[in-house]
Amino acid sequence: MGSMVAAIGSFLEARSRGGKWLVRIEDLDPPREVPGAADNILRTLEGMGLHWDGEVMHQSDRHDAYASALDTLKGNDDAFGCICTRKDLTDSGGLEVYPGTCREGLPVGLEARSWRLKMPLEGELAWEDGGCGPQCHLRSAVGDVVLKRADGHWAYHLASVVDDVSQGVTDVVRGQDLMASTAAHLAIQEALKVPAPGYVHLPVRRNAEGQKLSKQTKAPAVNVSEAGKVIQETLVFLGQSMPTLDSPQRMLEEAAANWHLHLQCL
C-alpha cells in the first residue's frame, strides 16, 4: 500500500493535467533483485487500472548513458574519485554527510572505489514543491553524494536525473521520504546543465510503529482482486473524495476529474 500512494498519486496528477504517465523499472542493484519482481509490478499496475504511456524504461539497459554523464561531470571537475569505505566513515563518527576526505585528490598509487559529486560548499538548493510548498536545503547538509558505488553499480541519484532528461520528464511525483533526494538531484542537474522538472512530494503511509509501508517493513503485497478497495483507501489517504465503487478504470477516471492537491507535509 505504501507504493500505491506514489503510483496512484502520480497517475492522477498526470491524467488530471492531460499529461503522460511513465513507468521506469529501477533495476540497478542485481544482488537485491527478486526474480520476476519487475513483471509482477507491471501486472499489479495493470490490474489496478494504472496504464502507462509509451515503453517501460529499464535502468539495466542504460549503463552507457550513465557512464557518459559521469564522464561529463569528471571533465568539468564536478565529480571526484573516493577511496573511503563504510568503515572509514563509521570510524569518522558515522556522519550522514560525507566529510570531504577525497575532494582534493587521492594519494599517489590509489584508485577510486566510488565516484561522488563535488558539491559546492556554499549556498542552498531550493524549489517550490507542488505538494509541500517552498523547500530549501543547505548544500553543505546534502554533501558529496555518491554517483557510482564502490561495488560498480550506478547510484540512484545519477541514474534518476539522467533518465528524467532522456524521457523528457516535466514533473516528478513521489513520496516525502525522497525529499532529501530531490535536493541531491537538483545539484546534479545543475552540474550537468540540464533543466529541473517540477516536484510533488506525497505523504507516506506508515504502520503502527511509524515505519513506512514497504518490503523492508514486511508490509503485505496489495491484492489485485481488491483493486477498488485499494484505490478508495489510497484516495482517502490523499485527501480526495471517495469515488463510486466501479471498475478500477472508471474509478480512476472519476478521481482524475476531481483531483486536487491538498496534502499534509511532514
C-alpha atoms as a PDB file:
ATOM      1  CA  MET A   1       0.000   0.000   0.000  1.00  0.00           C
ATOM      2  CA  GLY A   2       2.941   2.335   0.516  1.00  0.00           C
ATOM      3  CA  SER A   3       3.937   2.141  -3.143  1.00  0.00           C
ATOM      4  CA  MET A   4       0.334   2.548  -4.291  1.00  0.00           C
ATOM      5  CA  VAL A   5       0.253   6.073  -2.863  1.00  0.00           C
ATOM      6  CA  ALA A   6       3.032   7.181  -5.212  1.00  0.00           C
ATOM      7  CA  ALA A   7       1.649   5.158  -8.134  1.00  0.00           C
ATOM      8  CA  ILE A   8      -1.935   6.417  -7.882  1.00  0.00           C
ATOM      9  CA  GLY A   9      -0.957   9.951  -6.865  1.00  0.00           C
ATOM     10  CA  SER A  10       1.451  10.361  -9.781  1.00  0.00           C
ATOM     11  CA  PHE A  11      -1.007   8.770 -12.209  1.00  0.00           C
ATOM     12  CA  LEU A  12      -3.817  11.138 -11.224  1.00  0.00           C
ATOM     13  CA  GLU A  13      -1.554  14.195 -11.243  1.00  0.00           C
ATOM     14  CA  ALA A  14      -0.556  13.351 -14.835  1.00  0.00           C
ATOM     15  CA  ARG A  15      -4.040  12.474 -16.071  1.00  0.00           C
ATOM     16  CA  SER A  16      -5.693  15.493 -14.421  1.00  0.00           C
ATOM     17  CA  ARG A  17      -3.309  17.773 -16.345  1.00  0.00           C
ATOM     18  CA  GLY A  18      -3.532  15.962 -19.673  1.00  0.00           C
ATOM     19  CA  GLY A  19      -0.016  14.611 -19.281  1.00  0.00           C
ATOM     20  CA  LYS A  20       1.651  11.283 -19.916  1.00  0.00           C
ATOM     21  CA  TRP A  21       2.380   8.824 -17.107  1.00  0.00           C
ATOM     22  CA  LEU A  22       5.690   6.999 -17.447  1.00  0.00           C
ATOM     23  CA  VAL A  23       6.862   3.820 -15.731  1.00  0.00           C
ATOM     24  CA  ARG A  24      10.529   3.085 -15.100  1.00  0.00           C
ATOM     25  CA  ILE A  25      11.998  -0.099 -13.636  1.00  0.00           C
ATOM     26  CA  GLU A  26      14.912   0.815 -11.389  1.00  0.00           C
ATOM     27  CA  ASP A  27      16.863  -2.452 -11.600  1.00  0.00           C
ATOM     28  CA  LEU A  28      20.396  -1.285 -10.884  1.00  0.00           C
ATOM     29  CA  ASP A  29      21.093  -3.422  -7.816  1.00  0.00           C
ATOM     30  CA  PRO A  30      21.259  -7.064  -9.007  1.00  0.00           C
ATOM     31  CA  PRO A  31      22.111  -8.575  -5.578  1.00  0.00           C
ATOM     32  CA  ARG A  32      18.819  -7.233  -4.173  1.00  0.00           C
ATOM     33  CA  GLU A  33      16.594  -8.015  -7.134  1.00  0.00           C
ATOM     34  CA  VAL A  34      13.974 -10.741  -6.789  1.00  0.00           C
ATOM     35  CA  PRO A  35      13.409 -12.792  -9.974  1.00  0.00           C
ATOM     36  CA  GLY A  36      10.079 -11.891 -11.557  1.00  0.00           C
ATOM     37  CA  ALA A  37       9.544  -8.831  -9.352  1.00  0.00           C
ATOM     38  CA  ALA A  38       9.551  -6.343 -12.237  1.00  0.00           C
ATOM     39  CA  ASP A  39       6.919  -8.299 -14.176  1.00  0.00           C
ATOM     40  CA  ASN A  40       4.822  -8.582 -11.033  1.00  0.00           C
ATOM     41  CA  ILE A  41       4.952  -4.816 -10.547  1.00  0.00           C
ATOM     42  CA  LEU A  42       3.704  -4.221 -14.089  1.00  0.00           C
ATOM     43  CA  ARG A  43       0.905  -6.794 -13.724  1.00  0.00           C
ATOM     44  CA  THR A  44      -0.173  -5.165 -10.468  1.00  0.00           C
ATOM     45  CA  LEU A  45      -0.299  -1.708 -12.043  1.00  0.00           C
ATOM     46  CA  GLU A  46      -2.380  -3.027 -14.930  1.00  0.00           C
ATOM     47  CA  GLY A  47      -4.697  -4.827 -12.518  1.00  0.00           C
ATOM     48  CA  MET A  48      -5.242  -1.518 -10.714  1.00  0.00           C
ATOM     49  CA  GLY A  49      -6.188   0.218 -13.962  1.00  0.00           C
ATOM     50  CA  LEU A  50      -2.914   2.163 -13.993  1.00  0.00           C
ATOM     51  CA  HIS A  51      -1.995   2.053 -17.680  1.00  0.00           C
ATOM     52  CA  TRP A  52       1.243   3.794 -18.613  1.00  0.00           C
ATOM     53  CA  ASP A  53       2.201   5.707 -21.748  1.00  0.00           C
ATOM     54  CA  GLY A  54       4.981   4.566 -24.044  1.00  0.00           C
ATOM     55  CA  GLU A  55       7.547   1.868 -23.381  1.00  0.00           C
ATOM     56  CA  VAL A  56       8.712   0.904 -19.914  1.00  0.00           C
ATOM     57  CA  MET A  57      12.296   2.035 -19.362  1.00  0.00           C
ATOM     58  CA  HIS A  58      14.650  -0.446 -17.627  1.00  0.00           C
ATOM     59  CA  GLN A  59      17.659   1.166 -15.998  1.00  0.00           C
ATOM     60  CA  SER A  60      19.669  -2.013 -16.512  1.00  0.00           C
ATOM     61  CA  ASP A  61      19.715  -1.090 -20.226  1.00  0.00           C
ATOM     62  CA  ARG A  62      21.113   2.397 -19.581  1.00  0.00           C
ATOM     63  CA  HIS A  63      24.705   1.888 -18.413  1.00  0.00           C
ATOM     64  CA  ASP A  64      26.222   3.792 -21.352  1.00  0.00           C
ATOM     65  CA  ALA A  65      24.053   6.846 -20.649  1.00  0.00           C
ATOM     66  CA  TYR A  66      25.119   6.936 -17.005  1.00  0.00           C
ATOM     67  CA  ALA A  67      28.778   6.484 -17.929  1.00  0.00           C
ATOM     68  CA  SER A  68      28.545   9.386 -20.375  1.00  0.00           C
ATOM     69  CA  ALA A  69      27.011  11.640 -17.714  1.00  0.00           C
ATOM     70  CA  LEU A  70      29.727  10.716 -15.224  1.00  0.00           C
ATOM     71  CA  ASP A  71      32.396  11.448 -17.845  1.00  0.00           C
ATOM     72  CA  THR A  72      30.858  14.898 -18.343  1.00  0.00           C
ATOM     73  CA  LEU A  73      30.960  15.586 -14.614  1.00  0.00           C
ATOM     74  CA  LYS A  74      34.562  14.384 -14.391  1.00  0.00           C
ATOM     75  CA  GLY A  75      35.564  16.545 -17.335  1.00  0.00           C
ATOM     76  CA  ASN A  76      34.073  19.627 -15.696  1.00  0.00           C
ATOM     77  CA  ASP A  77      35.677  18.825 -12.310  1.00  0.00           C
ATOM     78  CA  ASP A  78      32.219  18.295 -10.833  1.00  0.00           C
ATOM     79  CA  ALA A  79      32.981  14.735  -9.698  1.00  0.00           C
ATOM     80  CA  PHE A  80      35.830  13.134  -7.772  1.00  0.00           C
ATOM     81  CA  GLY A  81      37.041   9.643  -7.034  1.00  0.00           C
ATOM     82  CA  CYS A  82      36.704   8.360  -3.481  1.00  0.00           C
ATOM     83  CA  ILE A  83      38.550   5.570  -1.654  1.00  0.00           C
ATOM     84  CA  CYS A  84      36.554   5.746   1.582  1.00  0.00           C
ATOM     85  CA  THR A  85      34.899   2.585   2.863  1.00  0.00           C
ATOM     86  CA  ARG A  86      31.861   2.315   5.114  1.00  0.00           C
ATOM     87  CA  LYS A  87      34.250   1.508   7.949  1.00  0.00           C
ATOM     88  CA  ASP A  88      36.248   4.671   7.233  1.00  0.00           C
ATOM     89  CA  LEU A  89      33.123   6.776   7.501  1.00  0.00           C
ATOM     90  CA  THR A  90      31.924   4.932  10.603  1.00  0.00           C
ATOM     91  CA  ASP A  91      35.309   5.479  12.265  1.00  0.00           C
ATOM     92  CA  SER A  92      34.953   9.171  11.422  1.00  0.00           C
ATOM     93  CA  GLY A  93      31.836   9.338  13.559  1.00  0.00           C
ATOM     94  CA  GLY A  94      29.312   7.780  11.209  1.00  0.00           C
ATOM     95  CA  LEU A  95      28.425  11.185   9.755  1.00  0.00           C
ATOM     96  CA  GLU A  96      25.425  11.209   7.417  1.00  0.00           C
ATOM     97  CA  VAL A  97      27.101  13.830   5.227  1.00  0.00           C
ATOM     98  CA  TYR A  98      30.365  12.849   3.559  1.00  0.00           C
ATOM     99  CA  PRO A  99      33.213  14.778   5.264  1.00  0.00           C
ATOM    100  CA  GLY A 100      35.047  15.598   2.024  1.00  0.00           C
ATOM    101  CA  THR A 101      38.031  13.349   2.664  1.00  0.00           C
ATOM    102  CA  CYS A 102      38.880  12.741  -1.015  1.00  0.00           C
ATOM    103  CA  ARG A 103      37.668  16.010  -2.578  1.00  0.00           C
ATOM    104  CA  GLU A 104      41.164  17.328  -3.292  1.00  0.00           C
ATOM    105  CA  GLY A 105      42.543  14.158  -4.845  1.00  0.00           C
ATOM    106  CA  LEU A 106      43.703  10.658  -3.953  1.00  0.00           C
ATOM    107  CA  PRO A 107      47.080   9.546  -2.619  1.00  0.00           C
ATOM    108  CA  VAL A 108      49.536   8.504  -5.334  1.00  0.00           C
ATOM    109  CA  GLY A 109      49.036   4.906  -6.425  1.00  0.00           C
ATOM    110  CA  LEU A 110      45.470   4.535  -5.186  1.00  0.00           C
ATOM    111  CA  GLU A 111      42.458   4.214  -7.496  1.00  0.00           C
ATOM    112  CA  ALA A 112      38.935   5.391  -6.809  1.00  0.00           C
ATOM    113  CA  ARG A 113      36.497   2.886  -5.327  1.00  0.00           C
ATOM    114  CA  SER A 114      33.482   5.101  -5.934  1.00  0.00           C
ATOM    115  CA  TRP A 115      32.675   8.461  -7.547  1.00  0.00           C
ATOM    116  CA  ARG A 116      30.988  11.416  -5.868  1.00  0.00           C
ATOM    117  CA  LEU A 117      29.514  14.737  -6.933  1.00  0.00           C
ATOM    118  CA  LYS A 118      31.719  17.650  -5.919  1.00  0.00           C
ATOM    119  CA  MET A 119      29.029  19.669  -4.186  1.00  0.00           C
ATOM    120  CA  PRO A 120      29.670  23.432  -3.966  1.00  0.00           C
ATOM    121  CA  LEU A 121      30.276  24.169  -0.301  1.00  0.00           C
ATOM    122  CA  GLU A 122      28.214  27.350  -0.096  1.00  0.00           C
ATOM    123  CA  GLY A 123      24.606  28.156  -0.893  1.00  0.00           C
ATOM    124  CA  GLU A 124      21.258  26.417  -0.940  1.00  0.00           C
ATOM    125  CA  LEU A 125      19.193  24.082  -3.104  1.00  0.00           C
ATOM    126  CA  ALA A 126      15.636  25.348  -3.265  1.00  0.00           C
ATOM    127  CA  TRP A 127      12.430  24.563  -5.146  1.00  0.00           C
ATOM    128  CA  GLU A 128       8.700  25.194  -4.963  1.00  0.00           C
ATOM    129  CA  ASP A 129       7.198  21.808  -4.206  1.00  0.00           C
ATOM    130  CA  GLY A 130       3.792  21.159  -5.733  1.00  0.00           C
ATOM    131  CA  GLY A 131       2.661  19.284  -2.653  1.00  0.00           C
ATOM    132  CA  CYS A 132       4.603  20.813   0.220  1.00  0.00           C
ATOM    133  CA  GLY A 133       5.342  24.385  -0.829  1.00  0.00           C
ATOM    134  CA  PRO A 134       8.765  26.102  -0.648  1.00  0.00           C
ATOM    135  CA  GLN A 135      11.687  23.800   0.169  1.00  0.00           C
ATOM    136  CA  CYS A 136      15.285  24.706   0.922  1.00  0.00           C
ATOM    137  CA  HIS A 137      18.301  22.532   1.765  1.00  0.00           C
ATOM    138  CA  LEU A 138      21.812  23.725   2.526  1.00  0.00           C
ATOM    139  CA  ARG A 139      24.302  22.313   0.030  1.00  0.00           C
ATOM    140  CA  SER A 140      26.601  21.514   2.950  1.00  0.00           C
ATOM    141  CA  ALA A 141      23.839  19.385   4.500  1.00  0.00           C
ATOM    142  CA  VAL A 142      23.383  17.387   1.287  1.00  0.00           C
ATOM    143  CA  GLY A 143      27.086  16.816   0.745  1.00  0.00           C
ATOM    144  CA  ASP A 144      29.077  14.993  -1.911  1.00  0.00           C
ATOM    145  CA  VAL A 145      26.518  12.394  -2.924  1.00  0.00           C
ATOM    146  CA  VAL A 146      27.596   9.104  -4.488  1.00  0.00           C
ATOM    147  CA  LEU A 147      27.243   8.836  -8.273  1.00  0.00           C
ATOM    148  CA  LYS A 148      28.794   5.399  -8.779  1.00  0.00           C
ATOM    149  CA  ARG A 149      29.119   2.951  -5.909  1.00  0.00           C
ATOM    150  CA  ALA A 150      32.195   1.039  -4.810  1.00  0.00           C
ATOM    151  CA  ASP A 151      30.588  -2.223  -5.990  1.00  0.00           C
ATOM    152  CA  GLY A 152      30.449  -0.821  -9.537  1.00  0.00           C
ATOM    153  CA  HIS A 153      26.692  -0.205  -9.570  1.00  0.00           C
ATOM    154  CA  TRP A 154      25.249   3.184 -10.519  1.00  0.00           C
ATOM    155  CA  ALA A 155      23.721   5.240  -7.737  1.00  0.00           C
ATOM    156  CA  TYR A 156      20.027   6.102  -7.765  1.00  0.00           C
ATOM    157  CA  HIS A 157      20.738   9.836  -7.799  1.00  0.00           C
ATOM    158  CA  LEU A 158      22.679   9.931 -11.075  1.00  0.00           C
ATOM    159  CA  ALA A 159      20.508   7.359 -12.862  1.00  0.00           C
ATOM    160  CA  SER A 160      17.303   9.133 -11.895  1.00  0.00           C
ATOM    161  CA  VAL A 161      18.495  12.512 -13.201  1.00  0.00           C
ATOM    162  CA  VAL A 162      19.848  11.090 -16.468  1.00  0.00           C
ATOM    163  CA  ASP A 163      16.655   9.122 -17.131  1.00  0.00           C
ATOM    164  CA  ASP A 164      14.381  12.064 -16.337  1.00  0.00           C
ATOM    165  CA  VAL A 165      16.207  14.055 -19.012  1.00  0.00           C
ATOM    166  CA  SER A 166      16.109  11.185 -21.513  1.00  0.00           C
ATOM    167  CA  GLN A 167      12.367  10.640 -21.043  1.00  0.00           C
ATOM    168  CA  GLY A 168      11.543  14.346 -21.155  1.00  0.00           C
ATOM    169  CA  VAL A 169      10.045  14.256 -17.665  1.00  0.00           C
ATOM    170  CA  THR A 170       8.420  17.572 -16.725  1.00  0.00           C
ATOM    171  CA  ASP A 171       7.052  16.593 -13.295  1.00  0.00           C
ATOM    172  CA  VAL A 172       8.129  14.055 -10.689  1.00  0.00           C
ATOM    173  CA  VAL A 173       5.569  12.850  -8.140  1.00  0.00           C
ATOM    174  CA  ARG A 174       6.860  10.679  -5.287  1.00  0.00           C
ATOM    175  CA  GLY A 175       6.871  10.201  -1.519  1.00  0.00           C
ATOM    176  CA  GLN A 176       8.042  12.719   1.056  1.00  0.00           C
ATOM    177  CA  ASP A 177      10.674  10.205   2.160  1.00  0.00           C
ATOM    178  CA  LEU A 178      12.574  11.171  -1.009  1.00  0.00           C
ATOM    179  CA  MET A 179      12.572  14.907  -0.292  1.00  0.00           C
ATOM    180  CA  ALA A 180      16.293  14.921   0.517  1.00  0.00           C
ATOM    181  CA  SER A 181      16.985  13.050  -2.722  1.00  0.00           C
ATOM    182  CA  THR A 182      15.374  15.894  -4.643  1.00  0.00           C
ATOM    183  CA  ALA A 183      17.939  18.312  -3.261  1.00  0.00           C
ATOM    184  CA  ALA A 184      20.720  15.990  -4.477  1.00  0.00           C
ATOM    185  CA  HIS A 185      19.046  15.703  -7.883  1.00  0.00           C
ATOM    186  CA  LEU A 186      18.865  19.479  -8.241  1.00  0.00           C
ATOM    187  CA  ALA A 187      22.615  19.671  -7.658  1.00  0.00           C
ATOM    188  CA  ILE A 188      23.342  17.003 -10.281  1.00  0.00           C
ATOM    189  CA  GLN A 189      21.001  18.692 -12.781  1.00  0.00           C
ATOM    190  CA  GLU A 190      22.811  21.961 -12.189  1.00  0.00           C
ATOM    191  CA  ALA A 191      26.225  20.344 -12.735  1.00  0.00           C
ATOM    192  CA  LEU A 192      25.033  18.629 -15.936  1.00  0.00           C
ATOM    193  CA  LYS A 193      23.378  21.884 -17.086  1.00  0.00           C
ATOM    194  CA  VAL A 194      20.003  20.220 -17.678  1.00  0.00           C
ATOM    195  CA  PRO A 195      16.575  21.604 -16.714  1.00  0.00           C
ATOM    196  CA  ALA A 196      14.988  20.536 -13.445  1.00  0.00           C
ATOM    197  CA  PRO A 197      11.439  19.119 -13.563  1.00  0.00           C
ATOM    198  CA  GLY A 198       8.748  20.193 -11.135  1.00  0.00           C
ATOM    199  CA  TYR A 199       8.365  18.125  -7.969  1.00  0.00           C
ATOM    200  CA  VAL A 200       5.392  16.981  -5.901  1.00  0.00           C
ATOM    201  CA  HIS A 201       6.018  15.005  -2.719  1.00  0.00           C
ATOM    202  CA  LEU A 202       3.162  12.913  -1.343  1.00  0.00           C
ATOM    203  CA  PRO A 203       2.574  11.769   2.261  1.00  0.00           C
ATOM    204  CA  VAL A 204       3.977   8.380   3.229  1.00  0.00           C
ATOM    205  CA  ARG A 205       1.775   5.569   4.548  1.00  0.00           C
ATOM    206  CA  ARG A 206       3.140   4.096   7.759  1.00  0.00           C
ATOM    207  CA  ASN A 207       2.422   1.167  10.040  1.00  0.00           C
ATOM    208  CA  ALA A 208       1.515   1.334  13.725  1.00  0.00           C
ATOM    209  CA  GLU A 209       5.211   1.695  14.631  1.00  0.00           C
ATOM    210  CA  GLY A 210       5.582   4.698  12.342  1.00  0.00           C
ATOM    211  CA  GLN A 211       7.564   2.787   9.715  1.00  0.00           C
ATOM    212  CA  LYS A 212       6.963   3.298   6.004  1.00  0.00           C
ATOM    213  CA  LEU A 213       4.863   0.510   4.483  1.00  0.00           C
ATOM    214  CA  SER A 214       7.379  -1.307   2.281  1.00  0.00           C
ATOM    215  CA  LYS A 215       9.067  -4.639   1.644  1.00  0.00           C
ATOM    216  CA  GLN A 216      11.660  -3.739   4.261  1.00  0.00           C
ATOM    217  CA  THR A 217       8.968  -3.458   6.950  1.00  0.00           C
ATOM    218  CA  LYS A 218       7.285  -6.672   5.714  1.00  0.00           C
ATOM    219  CA  ALA A 219       4.137  -4.911   4.505  1.00  0.00           C
ATOM    220  CA  PRO A 220       1.947  -7.371   2.562  1.00  0.00           C
ATOM    221  CA  ALA A 221       1.581  -7.017  -1.195  1.00  0.00           C
ATOM    222  CA  VAL A 222      -1.628  -5.429  -2.472  1.00  0.00           C
ATOM    223  CA  ASN A 223      -4.305  -7.799  -3.734  1.00  0.00           C
ATOM    224  CA  VAL A 224      -5.302  -7.001  -7.314  1.00  0.00           C
ATOM    225  CA  SER A 225      -8.660  -8.699  -6.755  1.00  0.00           C
ATOM    226  CA  GLU A 226      -9.401  -5.880  -4.277  1.00  0.00           C
ATOM    227  CA  ALA A 227      -8.359  -3.089  -6.647  1.00  0.00           C
ATOM    228  CA  GLY A 228     -11.434  -0.985  -5.916  1.00  0.00           C
ATOM    229  CA  LYS A 229     -10.817  -1.077  -2.178  1.00  0.00           C
ATOM    230  CA  VAL A 230      -7.108  -0.258  -2.644  1.00  0.00           C
ATOM    231  CA  ILE A 231      -7.938   2.744  -4.836  1.00  0.00           C
ATOM    232  CA  GLN A 232     -10.552   4.020  -2.396  1.00  0.00           C
ATOM    233  CA  GLU A 233      -8.230   3.696   0.605  1.00  0.00           C
ATOM    234  CA  THR A 234      -5.417   5.457  -1.229  1.00  0.00           C
ATOM    235  CA  LEU A 235      -7.615   8.335  -2.371  1.00  0.00           C
ATOM    236  CA  VAL A 236      -8.943   8.879   1.149  1.00  0.00           C
ATOM    237  CA  PHE A 237      -5.370   8.866   2.459  1.00  0.00           C
ATOM    238  CA  LEU A 238      -4.501  11.554  -0.126  1.00  0.00           C
ATOM    239  CA  GLY A 239      -7.439  13.707   0.951  1.00  0.00           C
ATOM    240  CA  GLN A 240      -9.561  13.050  -2.144  1.00  0.00           C
ATOM    241  CA  SER A 241     -13.289  12.433  -2.380  1.00  0.00           C
ATOM    242  CA  MET A 242     -14.437   8.816  -2.334  1.00  0.00           C
ATOM    243  CA  PRO A 243     -15.112   7.605  -5.908  1.00  0.00           C
ATOM    244  CA  THR A 244     -18.074   5.477  -6.849  1.00  0.00           C
ATOM    245  CA  LEU A 245     -17.156   1.811  -6.452  1.00  0.00           C
ATOM    246  CA  ASP A 246     -16.884   0.644 -10.044  1.00  0.00           C
ATOM    247  CA  SER A 247     -14.186  -0.799 -12.295  1.00  0.00           C
ATOM    248  CA  PRO A 248     -10.658   0.433 -11.433  1.00  0.00           C
ATOM    249  CA  GLN A 249     -10.557   2.304 -14.739  1.00  0.00           C
ATOM    250  CA  ARG A 250     -13.800   4.166 -14.090  1.00  0.00           C
ATOM    251  CA  MET A 251     -12.801   4.953 -10.507  1.00  0.00           C
ATOM    252  CA  LEU A 252      -9.520   6.472 -11.648  1.00  0.00           C
ATOM    253  CA  GLU A 253     -11.230   8.493 -14.372  1.00  0.00           C
ATOM    254  CA  GLU A 254     -13.631   9.927 -11.784  1.00  0.00           C
ATOM    255  CA  ALA A 255     -10.754  10.628  -9.385  1.00  0.00           C
ATOM    256  CA  ALA A 256      -8.724  12.378 -12.113  1.00  0.00           C
ATOM    257  CA  ALA A 257     -11.672  14.661 -12.892  1.00  0.00           C
ATOM    258  CA  ASN A 258     -11.856  15.685  -9.216  1.00  0.00           C
ATOM    259  CA  TRP A 259      -8.150  15.565  -8.383  1.00  0.00           C
ATOM    260  CA  HIS A 260      -6.780  18.347  -6.208  1.00  0.00           C
ATOM    261  CA  LEU A 261      -3.526  18.601  -4.325  1.00  0.00           C
ATOM    262  CA  HIS A 262      -4.220  19.381  -0.703  1.00  0.00           C
ATOM    263  CA  LEU A 263      -1.541  17.472   1.143  1.00  0.00           C
ATOM    264  CA  GLN A 264      -0.208  17.304   4.661  1.00  0.00           C
ATOM    265  CA  CYS A 265       3.559  17.676   4.649  1.00  0.00           C
ATOM    266  CA  LEU A 266       5.502  16.123   7.499  1.00  0.00           C
END
